Amino acid sequence: MGVSCILLWDAFQGDPSQGLEWIQHRVEELEGKSLGNWCVDCEILQSTATLSGSNPQKMVHLMHSSEYPKTTFAVLESSKCLVADNTLDTLFSHLKSFYTPKKNMRAEAKGFHSQVGKYIVKFGCITYGANNKGIIVEVEDASCCSVSVCWGTLTQFTKGLLHSQQQPLDEPPQRTEQYAPSNSMVHYCYIFSQLRKQTVATMK
């Protein structure tokens, strides 16, 4: 895959359907070619007392992408990402004495994606359970894998597409490294975590 920038887009607060329709219209104006649906999901596993003892509990984010149906991404609190095949899900299912799923904390981002020239544009809604938490946009430069080479033009295209000066929530931490799917999963995990913290805060 190419380099991607990802952001939570808040131009249409309170009515995600209008925002999604607006982006779809922008993609059509740019003669984008529809590529169908996409989805990224995240389940949070928390270490149990058996594993943690008196230490703080640790969390593992198990993530999946429709772009890589045979792959599981495990994002740690350190932002390190373990990439494995789907047997990793089975492995964690046998470790329930050590890691248990956090209830009502499953996040999902899904929507539509299209190709606009060399760019792949993904847009959709983020949900926690049945609750809609906003619109997410990912723009990928499919022609480039080097962050340092294409980050500037990629973000400029994204701003032009959205008619917005909003910056992506997170820039790849090492601009010289080759971009990989795990980088995008870490970005999605960061966004999911920020929304989870907001959700927990409103429940208190």
C-alpha atoms as a PDB file:
ATOM      1  CA  MET A   1       0.000   0.000   0.000  1.00  0.00           C
ATOM      2  CA  GLY A   2       0.990   3.658  -0.300  1.00  0.00           C
ATOM      3  CA  VAL A   3       1.337   6.374   2.330  1.00  0.00           C
ATOM      4  CA  SER A   4      -1.946   7.333   4.034  1.00  0.00           C
ATOM      5  CA  CYS A   5      -3.129  10.265   6.107  1.00  0.00           C
ATOM      6  CA  ILE A   6      -6.141   9.734   8.360  1.00  0.00           C
ATOM      7  CA  LEU A   7      -8.302  12.235  10.175  1.00  0.00           C
ATOM      8  CA  LEU A   8     -11.514  12.522  12.129  1.00  0.00           C
ATOM      9  CA  TRP A   9     -13.519  15.088  10.124  1.00  0.00           C
ATOM     10  CA  ASP A  10     -15.911  17.305  12.060  1.00  0.00           C
ATOM     11  CA  ALA A  11     -17.199  19.739   9.422  1.00  0.00           C
ATOM     12  CA  PHE A  12     -20.774  18.404   9.740  1.00  0.00           C
ATOM     13  CA  GLN A  13     -21.186  18.050  13.487  1.00  0.00           C
ATOM     14  CA  GLY A  14     -24.350  16.258  14.562  1.00  0.00           C
ATOM     15  CA  ASP A  15     -25.346  14.954  11.125  1.00  0.00           C
ATOM     16  CA  PRO A  16     -22.855  12.431   9.683  1.00  0.00           C
ATOM     17  CA  SER A  17     -25.161  11.556   6.759  1.00  0.00           C
ATOM     18  CA  GLN A  18     -24.827  15.084   5.357  1.00  0.00           C
ATOM     19  CA  GLY A  19     -21.065  14.934   5.682  1.00  0.00           C
ATOM     20  CA  LEU A  20     -20.835  11.580   3.919  1.00  0.00           C
ATOM     21  CA  GLU A  21     -23.060  12.812   1.102  1.00  0.00           C
ATOM     22  CA  TRP A  22     -20.904  15.917   0.744  1.00  0.00           C
ATOM     23  CA  ILE A  23     -17.690  13.863   0.457  1.00  0.00           C
ATOM     24  CA  GLN A  24     -19.335  11.514  -2.029  1.00  0.00           C
ATOM     25  CA  HIS A  25     -20.301  14.510  -4.132  1.00  0.00           C
ATOM     26  CA  ARG A  26     -16.724  15.847  -3.980  1.00  0.00           C
ATOM     27  CA  VAL A  27     -15.355  12.484  -5.125  1.00  0.00           C
ATOM     28  CA  GLU A  28     -17.817  12.436  -8.034  1.00  0.00           C
ATOM     29  CA  GLU A  29     -16.786  15.984  -8.996  1.00  0.00           C
ATOM     30  CA  LEU A  30     -13.212  14.716  -9.242  1.00  0.00           C
ATOM     31  CA  GLU A  31     -14.388  11.785 -11.407  1.00  0.00           C
ATOM     32  CA  GLY A  32     -13.559   9.209  -8.775  1.00  0.00           C
ATOM     33  CA  LYS A  33     -14.077   5.520  -9.527  1.00  0.00           C
ATOM     34  CA  SER A  34     -15.971   3.571  -6.858  1.00  0.00           C
ATOM     35  CA  LEU A  35     -14.093   0.653  -5.290  1.00  0.00           C
ATOM     36  CA  GLY A  36     -16.899  -0.552  -3.004  1.00  0.00           C
ATOM     37  CA  ASN A  37     -16.996  -0.851   0.784  1.00  0.00           C
ATOM     38  CA  TRP A  38     -14.234  -0.929   3.396  1.00  0.00           C
ATOM     39  CA  CYS A  39     -14.073  -1.609   7.128  1.00  0.00           C
ATOM     40  CA  VAL A  40     -11.599  -1.450  10.021  1.00  0.00           C
ATOM     41  CA  ASP A  41     -12.564  -2.880  13.418  1.00  0.00           C
ATOM     42  CA  CYS A  42     -10.902  -2.905  16.810  1.00  0.00           C
ATOM     43  CA  GLU A  43     -11.466  -5.034  19.901  1.00  0.00           C
ATOM     44  CA  ILE A  44      -9.733  -4.149  23.158  1.00  0.00           C
ATOM     45  CA  LEU A  45      -8.280  -6.928  25.307  1.00  0.00           C
ATOM     46  CA  GLN A  46      -7.236  -6.113  28.867  1.00  0.00           C
ATOM     47  CA  SER A  47      -4.772  -8.093  30.925  1.00  0.00           C
ATOM     48  CA  THR A  48      -6.212  -9.821  33.979  1.00  0.00           C
ATOM     49  CA  ALA A  49      -4.916  -9.847  37.539  1.00  0.00           C
ATOM     50  CA  THR A  50      -3.480 -13.292  36.841  1.00  0.00           C
ATOM     51  CA  LEU A  51      -1.058 -11.738  34.363  1.00  0.00           C
ATOM     52  CA  SER A  52      -0.637  -8.220  35.747  1.00  0.00           C
ATOM     53  CA  GLY A  53      -0.446  -8.958  39.454  1.00  0.00           C
ATOM     54  CA  SER A  54       0.084  -5.653  41.255  1.00  0.00           C
ATOM     55  CA  ASN A  55       1.230  -3.919  38.041  1.00  0.00           C
ATOM     56  CA  PRO A  56      -1.126  -1.697  35.976  1.00  0.00           C
ATOM     57  CA  GLN A  57      -3.294  -3.633  33.556  1.00  0.00           C
ATOM     58  CA  LYS A  58      -2.138  -3.642  29.955  1.00  0.00           C
ATOM     59  CA  MET A  59      -4.298  -3.388  26.848  1.00  0.00           C
ATOM     60  CA  VAL A  60      -3.930  -4.972  23.430  1.00  0.00           C
ATOM     61  CA  HIS A  61      -5.946  -3.671  20.484  1.00  0.00           C
ATOM     62  CA  LEU A  62      -6.814  -6.477  18.064  1.00  0.00           C
ATOM     63  CA  MET A  63      -7.527  -4.889  14.691  1.00  0.00           C
ATOM     64  CA  HIS A  64      -8.722  -6.096  11.308  1.00  0.00           C
ATOM     65  CA  SER A  65      -9.062  -4.441   7.911  1.00  0.00           C
ATOM     66  CA  SER A  66     -11.191  -5.500   4.968  1.00  0.00           C
ATOM     67  CA  GLU A  67      -8.171  -4.683   2.804  1.00  0.00           C
ATOM     68  CA  TYR A  68      -6.234  -7.503   4.512  1.00  0.00           C
ATOM     69  CA  PRO A  69      -8.847 -10.154   5.369  1.00  0.00           C
ATOM     70  CA  LYS A  70      -6.308 -12.822   6.366  1.00  0.00           C
ATOM     71  CA  THR A  71      -4.321 -10.561   8.690  1.00  0.00           C
ATOM     72  CA  THR A  72      -4.687  -9.541  12.339  1.00  0.00           C
ATOM     73  CA  PHE A  73      -2.914  -6.470  13.717  1.00  0.00           C
ATOM     74  CA  ALA A  74      -2.188  -6.329  17.454  1.00  0.00           C
ATOM     75  CA  VAL A  75      -1.410  -2.760  18.537  1.00  0.00           C
ATOM     76  CA  LEU A  76       0.215  -2.431  21.954  1.00  0.00           C
ATOM     77  CA  GLU A  77       0.082   0.562  24.316  1.00  0.00           C
ATOM     78  CA  SER A  78       3.608   1.438  23.194  1.00  0.00           C
ATOM     79  CA  SER A  79       2.196   1.846  19.638  1.00  0.00           C
ATOM     80  CA  LYS A  80       4.199  -1.141  18.474  1.00  0.00           C
ATOM     81  CA  CYS A  81       2.197  -3.270  16.052  1.00  0.00           C
ATOM     82  CA  LEU A  82       2.418  -7.046  15.721  1.00  0.00           C
ATOM     83  CA  VAL A  83       1.287  -8.330  12.308  1.00  0.00           C
ATOM     84  CA  ALA A  84       0.180 -11.964  12.018  1.00  0.00           C
ATOM     85  CA  ASP A  85      -2.343 -14.160  10.291  1.00  0.00           C
ATOM     86  CA  ASN A  86      -5.818 -14.720  11.725  1.00  0.00           C
ATOM     87  CA  THR A  87      -4.612 -17.525  13.995  1.00  0.00           C
ATOM     88  CA  LEU A  88      -3.624 -14.722  16.373  1.00  0.00           C
ATOM     89  CA  ASP A  89      -7.330 -14.235  17.141  1.00  0.00           C
ATOM     90  CA  THR A  90      -7.601 -17.917  17.987  1.00  0.00           C
ATOM     91  CA  LEU A  91      -4.518 -17.694  20.190  1.00  0.00           C
ATOM     92  CA  PHE A  92      -5.990 -14.856  22.268  1.00  0.00           C
ATOM     93  CA  SER A  93      -9.301 -16.724  22.550  1.00  0.00           C
ATOM     94  CA  HIS A  94      -7.368 -19.456  24.380  1.00  0.00           C
ATOM     95  CA  LEU A  95      -5.754 -16.914  26.720  1.00  0.00           C
ATOM     96  CA  LYS A  96      -8.908 -15.682  28.454  1.00  0.00           C
ATOM     97  CA  SER A  97      -7.289 -16.265  31.837  1.00  0.00           C
ATOM     98  CA  PHE A  98      -4.765 -13.593  30.880  1.00  0.00           C
ATOM     99  CA  TYR A  99      -6.573 -11.269  28.430  1.00  0.00           C
ATOM    100  CA  THR A 100     -10.292 -10.527  28.397  1.00  0.00           C
ATOM    101  CA  PRO A 101     -12.309  -8.324  26.001  1.00  0.00           C
ATOM    102  CA  LYS A 102     -13.480  -4.977  27.384  1.00  0.00           C
ATOM    103  CA  LYS A 103     -17.263  -4.830  27.230  1.00  0.00           C
ATOM    104  CA  ASN A 104     -18.958  -2.304  24.921  1.00  0.00           C
ATOM    105  CA  MET A 105     -15.593  -1.045  23.665  1.00  0.00           C
ATOM    106  CA  ARG A 106     -15.572  -2.573  20.188  1.00  0.00           C
ATOM    107  CA  ALA A 107     -14.959   0.155  17.610  1.00  0.00           C
ATOM    108  CA  GLU A 108     -15.621   0.019  13.893  1.00  0.00           C
ATOM    109  CA  ALA A 109     -14.965   2.375  11.005  1.00  0.00           C
ATOM    110  CA  LYS A 110     -16.702   1.560   7.744  1.00  0.00           C
ATOM    111  CA  GLY A 111     -17.923   3.223   4.598  1.00  0.00           C
ATOM    112  CA  PHE A 112     -17.022   3.582   0.928  1.00  0.00           C
ATOM    113  CA  HIS A 113     -13.808   4.082  -0.974  1.00  0.00           C
ATOM    114  CA  SER A 114     -12.994   5.415  -4.420  1.00  0.00           C
ATOM    115  CA  GLN A 115      -9.965   6.038  -6.611  1.00  0.00           C
ATOM    116  CA  VAL A 116      -9.248   9.618  -7.662  1.00  0.00           C
ATOM    117  CA  GLY A 117      -6.211   9.566  -9.917  1.00  0.00           C
ATOM    118  CA  LYS A 118      -3.337   8.120  -7.887  1.00  0.00           C
ATOM    119  CA  TYR A 119      -5.228   8.597  -4.610  1.00  0.00           C
ATOM    120  CA  ILE A 120      -7.511   6.164  -2.791  1.00  0.00           C
ATOM    121  CA  VAL A 121     -10.159   8.024  -0.784  1.00  0.00           C
ATOM    122  CA  LYS A 122     -11.901   6.210   2.074  1.00  0.00           C
ATOM    123  CA  PHE A 123     -14.654   7.811   4.105  1.00  0.00           C
ATOM    124  CA  GLY A 124     -17.230   6.519   6.564  1.00  0.00           C
ATOM    125  CA  CYS A 125     -18.499   6.533  10.130  1.00  0.00           C
ATOM    126  CA  ILE A 126     -16.908   5.385  13.369  1.00  0.00           C
ATOM    127  CA  THR A 127     -19.183   3.551  15.783  1.00  0.00           C
ATOM    128  CA  TYR A 128     -18.841   2.202  19.321  1.00  0.00           C
ATOM    129  CA  GLY A 129     -21.549  -0.418  19.573  1.00  0.00           C
ATOM    130  CA  ALA A 130     -24.615   1.285  18.114  1.00  0.00           C
ATOM    131  CA  ASN A 131     -23.350   4.814  18.827  1.00  0.00           C
ATOM    132  CA  ASN A 132     -22.083   6.935  15.958  1.00  0.00           C
ATOM    133  CA  LYS A 133     -18.951   8.881  16.916  1.00  0.00           C
ATOM    134  CA  GLY A 134     -18.192  10.830  13.752  1.00  0.00           C
ATOM    135  CA  ILE A 135     -16.791  10.754  10.231  1.00  0.00           C
ATOM    136  CA  ILE A 136     -13.349   9.399   9.431  1.00  0.00           C
ATOM    137  CA  VAL A 137     -11.433  10.067   6.212  1.00  0.00           C
ATOM    138  CA  GLU A 138      -8.347   8.276   4.918  1.00  0.00           C
ATOM    139  CA  VAL A 139      -6.507   9.366   1.783  1.00  0.00           C
ATOM    140  CA  GLU A 140      -3.778   7.109   0.396  1.00  0.00           C
ATOM    141  CA  ASP A 141      -1.186   7.985  -2.227  1.00  0.00           C
ATOM    142  CA  ALA A 142      -1.115   4.613  -3.961  1.00  0.00           C
ATOM    143  CA  SER A 143       1.964   5.556  -5.998  1.00  0.00           C
ATOM    144  CA  CYS A 144       4.343   6.206  -3.094  1.00  0.00           C
ATOM    145  CA  CYS A 145       5.592   4.275  -0.037  1.00  0.00           C
ATOM    146  CA  SER A 146       8.018   6.896   1.299  1.00  0.00           C
ATOM    147  CA  VAL A 147       6.565   9.288   3.877  1.00  0.00           C
ATOM    148  CA  SER A 148       9.275  11.901   3.373  1.00  0.00           C
ATOM    149  CA  VAL A 149       8.674  12.002  -0.383  1.00  0.00           C
ATOM    150  CA  CYS A 150       4.896  12.408  -0.587  1.00  0.00           C
ATOM    151  CA  TRP A 151       3.559  13.573   2.809  1.00  0.00           C
ATOM    152  CA  GLY A 152       3.357  17.229   1.760  1.00  0.00           C
ATOM    153  CA  THR A 153       1.455  16.644  -1.490  1.00  0.00           C
ATOM    154  CA  LEU A 154      -0.758  14.035   0.175  1.00  0.00           C
ATOM    155  CA  THR A 155      -1.913  16.400   2.909  1.00  0.00           C
ATOM    156  CA  GLN A 156      -2.436  19.202   0.392  1.00  0.00           C
ATOM    157  CA  PHE A 157      -4.662  16.946  -1.721  1.00  0.00           C
ATOM    158  CA  THR A 158      -6.601  15.936   1.392  1.00  0.00           C
ATOM    159  CA  LYS A 159      -7.187  19.587   2.359  1.00  0.00           C
ATOM    160  CA  GLY A 160      -8.307  20.390  -1.185  1.00  0.00           C
ATOM    161  CA  LEU A 161     -10.651  17.409  -1.270  1.00  0.00           C
ATOM    162  CA  LEU A 162     -12.326  18.430   1.983  1.00  0.00           C
ATOM    163  CA  HIS A 163     -12.095  22.203   1.459  1.00  0.00           C
ATOM    164  CA  SER A 164     -10.487  22.250   4.877  1.00  0.00           C
ATOM    165  CA  GLN A 165      -7.275  23.337   6.594  1.00  0.00           C
ATOM    166  CA  GLN A 166      -7.704  20.566   9.177  1.00  0.00           C
ATOM    167  CA  GLN A 167      -4.538  18.540   9.701  1.00  0.00           C
ATOM    168  CA  PRO A 168      -4.470  14.735  10.033  1.00  0.00           C
ATOM    169  CA  LEU A 169      -4.679  13.689  13.675  1.00  0.00           C
ATOM    170  CA  ASP A 170      -1.331  11.989  13.581  1.00  0.00           C
ATOM    171  CA  GLU A 171       1.660  12.078  11.253  1.00  0.00           C
ATOM    172  CA  PRO A 172       3.764   8.936  10.779  1.00  0.00           C
ATOM    173  CA  PRO A 173       6.358   9.097  13.554  1.00  0.00           C
ATOM    174  CA  GLN A 174       9.369   8.373  11.339  1.00  0.00           C
ATOM    175  CA  ARG A 175       9.126  10.343   8.117  1.00  0.00           C
ATOM    176  CA  THR A 176      11.968   8.433   6.461  1.00  0.00           C
ATOM    177  CA  GLU A 177      10.593   4.940   6.948  1.00  0.00           C
ATOM    178  CA  GLN A 178       8.743   2.959   4.302  1.00  0.00           C
ATOM    179  CA  TYR A 179       5.020   3.087   4.975  1.00  0.00           C
ATOM    180  CA  ALA A 180       3.236  -0.209   5.715  1.00  0.00           C
ATOM    181  CA  PRO A 181      -0.330  -1.308   6.581  1.00  0.00           C
ATOM    182  CA  SER A 182       0.681  -1.463  10.255  1.00  0.00           C
ATOM    183  CA  ASN A 183       1.255   2.309  10.200  1.00  0.00           C
ATOM    184  CA  SER A 184      -2.378   2.869   9.229  1.00  0.00           C
ATOM    185  CA  MET A 185      -3.587   0.476  11.916  1.00  0.00           C
ATOM    186  CA  VAL A 186      -1.633   2.418  14.550  1.00  0.00           C
ATOM    187  CA  HIS A 187      -3.279   5.630  13.280  1.00  0.00           C
ATOM    188  CA  TYR A 188      -6.753   4.092  13.464  1.00  0.00           C
ATOM    189  CA  CYS A 189      -6.000   2.753  16.932  1.00  0.00           C
ATOM    190  CA  TYR A 190      -4.965   6.243  18.070  1.00  0.00           C
ATOM    191  CA  ILE A 191      -8.240   7.720  16.794  1.00  0.00           C
ATOM    192  CA  PHE A 192     -10.306   4.923  18.348  1.00  0.00           C
ATOM    193  CA  SER A 193      -8.503   5.425  21.673  1.00  0.00           C
ATOM    194  CA  GLN A 194      -9.161   9.172  21.679  1.00  0.00           C
ATOM    195  CA  LEU A 195     -12.865   8.588  21.056  1.00  0.00           C
ATOM    196  CA  ARG A 196     -12.950   5.861  23.717  1.00  0.00           C
ATOM    197  CA  LYS A 197     -11.518   8.275  26.287  1.00  0.00           C
ATOM    198  CA  GLN A 198     -14.154  10.859  25.345  1.00  0.00           C
ATOM    199  CA  THR A 199     -16.891   8.232  25.643  1.00  0.00           C
ATOM    200  CA  VAL A 200     -15.706   7.094  29.080  1.00  0.00           C
ATOM    201  CA  ALA A 201     -15.430  10.720  30.247  1.00  0.00           C
ATOM    202  CA  THR A 202     -19.044  11.482  29.270  1.00  0.00           C
ATOM    203  CA  MET A 203     -20.246   8.405  31.152  1.00  0.00           C
ATOM    204  CA  LYS A 204     -18.763   9.614  34.470  1.00  0.00           C
END
